Amino acid sequence: MFELVFTRRFSMAHRLLAGESERCALPHGHNEYIRAHLRATAPTTLDGHANMVMPFQRAKGVWHGFIDDHVDHALQLAEDDPLLAWFTHNEPQRAQRILVTPGDPTTELLACLLMAKLNAFLAADGGALTCASIEIEETPTNTVRYSGDPLAVLPCPRPAPQCWWRRPDMTLSDT
């Protein structure tokens, strides 16, 4: 079975308050690579003419725009992080650039959130492709890979259709 694999690089900042690492409690950043593996939902033989699952530009266009224009240089904060309230009150225009997560914005959680978002984009484009797995390289020595249904493992703090990661739009939060 063919997989279309697309890689994108983005810069981000986050902090982790609930975990065991005091070092990660201060805002800090990473230059990350995200790699999405897409598969056809109904695989067929090559047609003898175009001989592709889908044109690359169509398969990756919206996704790359989302990563480049919204995720890149976004601050990632948990929905109960006091910094989120500070930005919302003091710098609301910048609060729109905050990717808000249910709990600490770990690489594991981000992989599932972004996989769900990518699947929402793919479904809105007719559902010919689905994301089979996603990898996020946080550092040259630490990578998270998730395969499976991200919705099965994600926390759901509100009714599911209202979660930003389930909508095929460019939102990063529900605030």
Protein backbone atom coordinates (compact mmCIF):
# COMPACT_ATOMS: atom_id res chain seq x y z
CA MET A 1 0.00 0.00 0.00
CA PHE A 2 1.28 3.44 -0.90
CA GLU A 3 1.82 6.11 1.73
CA LEU A 4 2.26 9.77 0.92
CA VAL A 5 4.72 11.19 3.45
CA PHE A 6 5.04 14.91 4.03
CA THR A 7 7.45 16.65 6.38
CA ARG A 8 7.24 20.19 7.67
CA ARG A 9 9.38 22.15 10.12
CA PHE A 10 8.00 24.62 12.63
CA SER A 11 9.18 26.55 15.65
CA MET A 12 7.17 26.61 18.82
CA ALA A 13 7.23 27.44 22.50
CA HIS A 14 5.43 25.77 25.38
CA ARG A 15 5.66 25.01 29.04
CA LEU A 16 4.64 21.97 31.03
CA LEU A 17 3.20 22.55 34.48
CA ALA A 18 1.64 19.21 35.46
CA GLY A 19 4.59 16.93 34.82
CA GLU A 20 7.69 15.96 36.68
CA SER A 21 10.14 18.29 34.94
CA GLU A 22 10.68 21.61 36.66
CA ARG A 23 12.98 22.49 33.78
CA CYS A 24 10.01 22.41 31.38
CA ALA A 25 7.81 24.60 33.60
CA LEU A 26 9.41 27.74 32.20
CA PRO A 27 8.41 28.76 28.68
CA HIS A 28 10.93 27.38 26.22
CA GLY A 29 11.03 26.52 22.55
CA HIS A 30 11.86 23.81 20.07
CA ASN A 31 12.38 23.61 16.33
CA GLU A 32 10.28 20.62 15.44
CA TYR A 33 9.70 18.45 12.40
CA ILE A 34 6.30 16.94 11.80
CA ARG A 35 5.96 14.03 9.41
CA ALA A 36 2.53 12.87 8.28
CA HIS A 37 1.96 9.49 6.62
CA LEU A 38 -1.21 9.49 4.51
CA ARG A 39 -2.97 6.44 3.05
CA ALA A 40 -5.83 6.02 0.65
CA THR A 41 -9.08 5.12 2.42
CA ALA A 42 -10.08 2.91 -0.53
CA PRO A 43 -6.86 1.76 -2.20
CA THR A 44 -7.04 0.97 -5.91
CA THR A 45 -4.58 0.03 -8.61
CA LEU A 46 -2.70 2.74 -10.46
CA ASP A 47 -4.78 3.88 -13.41
CA GLY A 48 -2.18 3.70 -16.20
CA HIS A 49 -2.54 7.42 -16.83
CA ALA A 50 -1.86 9.76 -13.88
CA ASN A 51 -0.58 6.84 -11.74
CA MET A 52 -0.91 8.53 -8.39
CA VAL A 53 -3.03 8.24 -5.28
CA MET A 54 -3.65 11.99 -5.33
CA PRO A 55 -1.60 14.95 -6.56
CA PHE A 56 0.85 15.94 -3.84
CA GLN A 57 -0.22 19.58 -3.87
CA ARG A 58 -3.85 18.67 -3.19
CA ALA A 59 -2.89 16.15 -0.48
CA LYS A 60 -0.61 18.51 1.43
CA GLY A 61 -1.74 22.04 0.48
CA VAL A 62 -4.16 22.87 3.31
CA TRP A 63 -2.07 20.99 5.87
CA HIS A 64 1.14 22.84 5.01
CA GLY A 65 -0.72 26.16 5.07
CA PHE A 66 -2.05 25.33 8.54
CA ILE A 67 1.41 24.40 9.85
CA ASP A 68 3.18 27.35 8.19
CA ASP A 69 0.63 30.07 8.93
CA HIS A 70 -0.83 28.98 12.27
CA VAL A 71 1.26 26.38 14.12
CA ASP A 72 4.68 27.84 13.29
CA HIS A 73 5.78 30.22 16.04
CA ALA A 74 2.63 29.59 18.07
CA LEU A 75 2.84 29.40 21.84
CA GLN A 76 1.35 26.16 23.15
CA LEU A 77 -0.39 26.36 26.52
CA ALA A 78 -2.75 24.18 28.52
CA GLU A 79 -6.28 25.56 28.74
CA ASP A 80 -5.85 26.07 32.51
CA ASP A 81 -2.40 27.72 32.28
CA PRO A 82 -2.48 31.18 33.98
CA LEU A 83 -0.46 32.61 31.07
CA LEU A 84 -3.44 32.00 28.78
CA ALA A 85 -5.68 34.19 30.96
CA TRP A 86 -2.95 36.84 31.07
CA PHE A 87 -2.67 36.95 27.27
CA THR A 88 -6.44 36.93 26.82
CA HIS A 89 -6.78 39.92 29.15
CA ASN A 90 -3.63 41.92 28.31
CA GLU A 91 -2.78 41.02 24.72
CA PRO A 92 -5.91 39.54 23.11
CA GLN A 93 -4.52 39.98 19.59
CA ARG A 94 -1.59 37.71 20.52
CA ALA A 95 -3.83 35.23 22.32
CA GLN A 96 -5.13 34.21 18.90
CA ARG A 97 -1.67 32.75 18.17
CA ILE A 98 -1.79 30.44 21.19
CA LEU A 99 -2.42 26.75 20.52
CA VAL A 100 -4.55 25.68 23.48
CA THR A 101 -4.44 22.08 24.66
CA PRO A 102 -6.46 19.97 27.11
CA GLY A 103 -3.71 19.56 29.72
CA ASP A 104 0.00 20.08 29.28
CA PRO A 105 1.08 20.58 25.64
CA THR A 106 3.38 17.57 25.47
CA THR A 107 4.72 16.22 22.21
CA GLU A 108 2.53 13.12 22.66
CA LEU A 109 -0.60 15.23 23.00
CA LEU A 110 0.39 17.52 20.13
CA ALA A 111 0.91 14.51 17.83
CA CYS A 112 -2.64 13.31 18.51
CA LEU A 113 -4.19 16.78 18.27
CA LEU A 114 -2.50 17.53 14.97
CA MET A 115 -3.30 14.09 13.57
CA ALA A 116 -6.98 14.65 14.40
CA LYS A 117 -6.82 18.11 12.77
CA LEU A 118 -5.19 16.68 9.65
CA ASN A 119 -7.87 13.99 9.46
CA ALA A 120 -10.55 16.71 9.71
CA PHE A 121 -8.94 18.51 6.75
CA LEU A 122 -8.72 15.27 4.76
CA ALA A 123 -12.34 14.33 5.50
CA ALA A 124 -13.50 17.79 4.39
CA ASP A 125 -11.63 17.23 1.11
CA GLY A 126 -13.68 14.15 0.30
CA GLY A 127 -12.06 11.57 2.56
CA ALA A 128 -9.90 9.88 -0.10
CA LEU A 129 -6.93 9.96 2.29
CA THR A 130 -6.48 9.46 6.01
CA CYS A 131 -3.49 9.99 8.26
CA ALA A 132 -2.07 6.56 9.13
CA SER A 133 0.61 7.90 11.47
CA ILE A 134 2.25 11.10 12.49
CA GLU A 135 5.69 11.81 13.94
CA ILE A 136 6.94 14.88 15.72
CA GLU A 137 10.67 15.24 16.20
CA GLU A 138 10.97 17.52 19.22
CA THR A 139 14.75 17.39 19.30
CA PRO A 140 17.29 15.45 17.22
CA THR A 141 17.16 12.72 19.90
CA ASN A 142 13.44 12.70 20.86
CA THR A 143 10.62 11.78 18.49
CA VAL A 144 7.02 10.82 19.15
CA ARG A 145 5.14 8.68 16.62
CA TYR A 146 1.43 7.93 16.88
CA SER A 147 -0.60 5.59 14.72
CA GLY A 148 -4.21 4.68 15.28
CA ASP A 149 -7.26 6.75 16.05
CA PRO A 150 -6.16 9.93 17.87
CA LEU A 151 -9.73 10.60 19.01
CA ALA A 152 -9.63 7.36 21.02
CA VAL A 153 -6.81 8.65 23.24
CA LEU A 154 -7.40 12.41 23.38
CA PRO A 155 -8.99 13.98 26.43
CA CYS A 156 -12.35 15.47 25.55
CA PRO A 157 -13.02 18.42 27.86
CA ARG A 158 -16.17 19.54 26.02
CA PRO A 159 -18.60 18.07 23.50
CA ALA A 160 -16.44 16.54 20.78
CA PRO A 161 -17.68 18.55 17.75
CA GLN A 162 -16.66 21.76 19.50
CA CYS A 163 -12.99 20.81 19.86
CA TRP A 164 -10.71 22.78 17.52
CA TRP A 165 -8.83 19.64 16.51
CA ARG A 166 -12.03 18.13 15.05
CA ARG A 167 -12.85 21.10 12.81
CA PRO A 168 -11.41 21.55 9.30
CA ASP A 169 -10.60 25.22 9.88
CA MET A 170 -7.48 27.15 10.84
CA THR A 171 -8.27 27.49 14.54
CA LEU A 172 -5.78 26.61 17.28
CA SER A 173 -8.08 26.94 20.26
CA ASP A 174 -11.66 27.09 21.44
CA THR A 175 -11.21 30.28 23.48
